[in-house]
Protein backbone atom coordinates (compact mmCIF):
# COMPACT_ATOMS: atom_id res chain seq x y z
CA MET A 1 -69.35 -9.19 2.78
CA THR A 2 -69.73 -11.42 5.85
CA PRO A 3 -69.19 -15.07 4.70
CA LYS A 4 -71.69 -17.32 5.56
CA PRO A 5 -71.03 -21.25 4.95
CA LEU A 6 -73.96 -22.46 6.07
CA LEU A 7 -78.27 -21.77 5.94
CA GLU A 8 -80.06 -24.37 7.23
CA ASP A 9 -83.82 -24.51 9.29
CA GLY A 10 -83.86 -20.80 9.41
CA PHE A 11 -80.08 -20.79 10.96
CA SER A 12 -77.75 -18.39 9.36
CA PHE A 13 -74.17 -19.78 10.18
CA TYR A 14 -71.18 -17.02 9.61
CA PHE A 15 -68.19 -15.10 10.15
CA PHE A 16 -67.03 -11.61 10.78
CA SER A 17 -64.03 -10.68 8.61
CA ASN A 18 -62.15 -9.33 11.47
CA GLU A 19 -61.98 -11.75 13.48
CA ASN A 20 -58.97 -14.06 12.27
CA ASN A 21 -56.96 -13.11 15.39
CA GLU A 22 -59.42 -15.42 17.49
CA PRO A 23 -59.47 -19.53 17.50
CA PRO A 24 -61.56 -20.70 14.62
CA HIS A 25 -65.52 -19.93 15.41
CA VAL A 26 -68.91 -19.50 13.84
CA HIS A 27 -71.65 -16.90 14.61
CA VAL A 28 -75.37 -17.70 14.45
CA SER A 29 -78.67 -16.28 14.29
CA LYS A 30 -81.95 -16.81 13.68
CA GLY A 31 -84.72 -14.52 14.22
CA GLY A 32 -83.62 -12.17 17.32
CA GLY A 33 -81.49 -14.85 18.70
CA LYS A 34 -77.30 -14.46 18.48
CA ALA A 35 -74.76 -17.14 19.23
CA LYS A 36 -70.85 -17.96 18.96
CA TRP A 37 -69.54 -21.12 18.68
CA TRP A 38 -66.26 -21.76 18.75
CA LEU A 39 -65.05 -24.97 16.40
CA THR A 40 -61.66 -26.09 18.05
CA PRO A 41 -60.60 -27.91 19.66
CA GLU A 42 -64.43 -29.34 19.29
CA PRO A 43 -67.51 -27.63 18.78
CA ARG A 44 -68.34 -25.71 22.01
CA GLU A 45 -70.80 -22.90 22.87
CA LYS A 46 -69.43 -19.69 24.00
CA PHE A 47 -72.65 -17.62 24.34
CA ALA A 48 -76.35 -17.62 23.00
CA TYR A 49 -78.89 -15.05 23.19
CA GLY A 50 -82.19 -15.27 22.36
CA PHE A 51 -82.86 -18.80 21.87
CA LYS A 52 -85.03 -21.33 23.24
CA THR A 53 -83.92 -24.39 24.51
CA GLY A 54 -84.62 -26.51 21.15
CA GLU A 55 -83.38 -23.71 19.21
CA ARG A 56 -80.07 -24.42 20.95
CA ARG A 57 -80.40 -28.34 20.94
CA ARG A 58 -80.56 -27.91 17.00
CA MET A 59 -78.25 -25.63 16.47
CA LYS A 60 -75.80 -27.73 18.48
CA GLU A 61 -76.81 -30.63 16.26
CA LEU A 62 -76.70 -28.49 12.99
CA ILE A 63 -72.90 -27.50 14.05
CA LYS A 64 -71.62 -31.10 14.74
CA LYS A 65 -73.52 -32.16 11.54
CA HIS A 66 -71.51 -29.44 9.37
CA HIS A 67 -68.40 -29.38 11.79
CA GLY A 68 -65.87 -30.39 8.67
CA LYS A 69 -67.50 -27.79 6.46
CA LEU A 70 -67.79 -24.76 8.62
CA LEU A 71 -63.91 -25.33 9.74
CA LYS A 72 -63.01 -25.69 5.97
CA ALA A 73 -64.68 -22.61 5.29
CA TRP A 74 -62.95 -20.82 8.13
CA HIS A 75 -59.67 -21.67 6.94
CA THR A 76 -60.26 -21.08 3.24
CA HIS A 77 -61.32 -17.34 4.59
CA PHE A 78 -59.15 -16.67 6.33
CA GLY A 79 -56.24 -18.19 4.71
CA THR A 80 -55.06 -20.17 7.56
CA LYS A 81 -53.91 -24.12 7.94
CA GLU A 82 -56.39 -26.98 9.24
């Protein structure tokens, strides 16, 4: 099962369980769009496909707003230290 720590404004934020060898990050999808954001040291976009400019802006706002929650969910899921 893929952990989904956040669903908001139609965006689904999730992790893949086999990616604990990478730095903390979150995948995002909405409609046909897909994105990946690094969570540390600060949120930054790795890639985003299929999103309009406004959707990318909203995605960034949501990641910044929920950064602590997403990072905590990552560490809880993978059993790593914050």
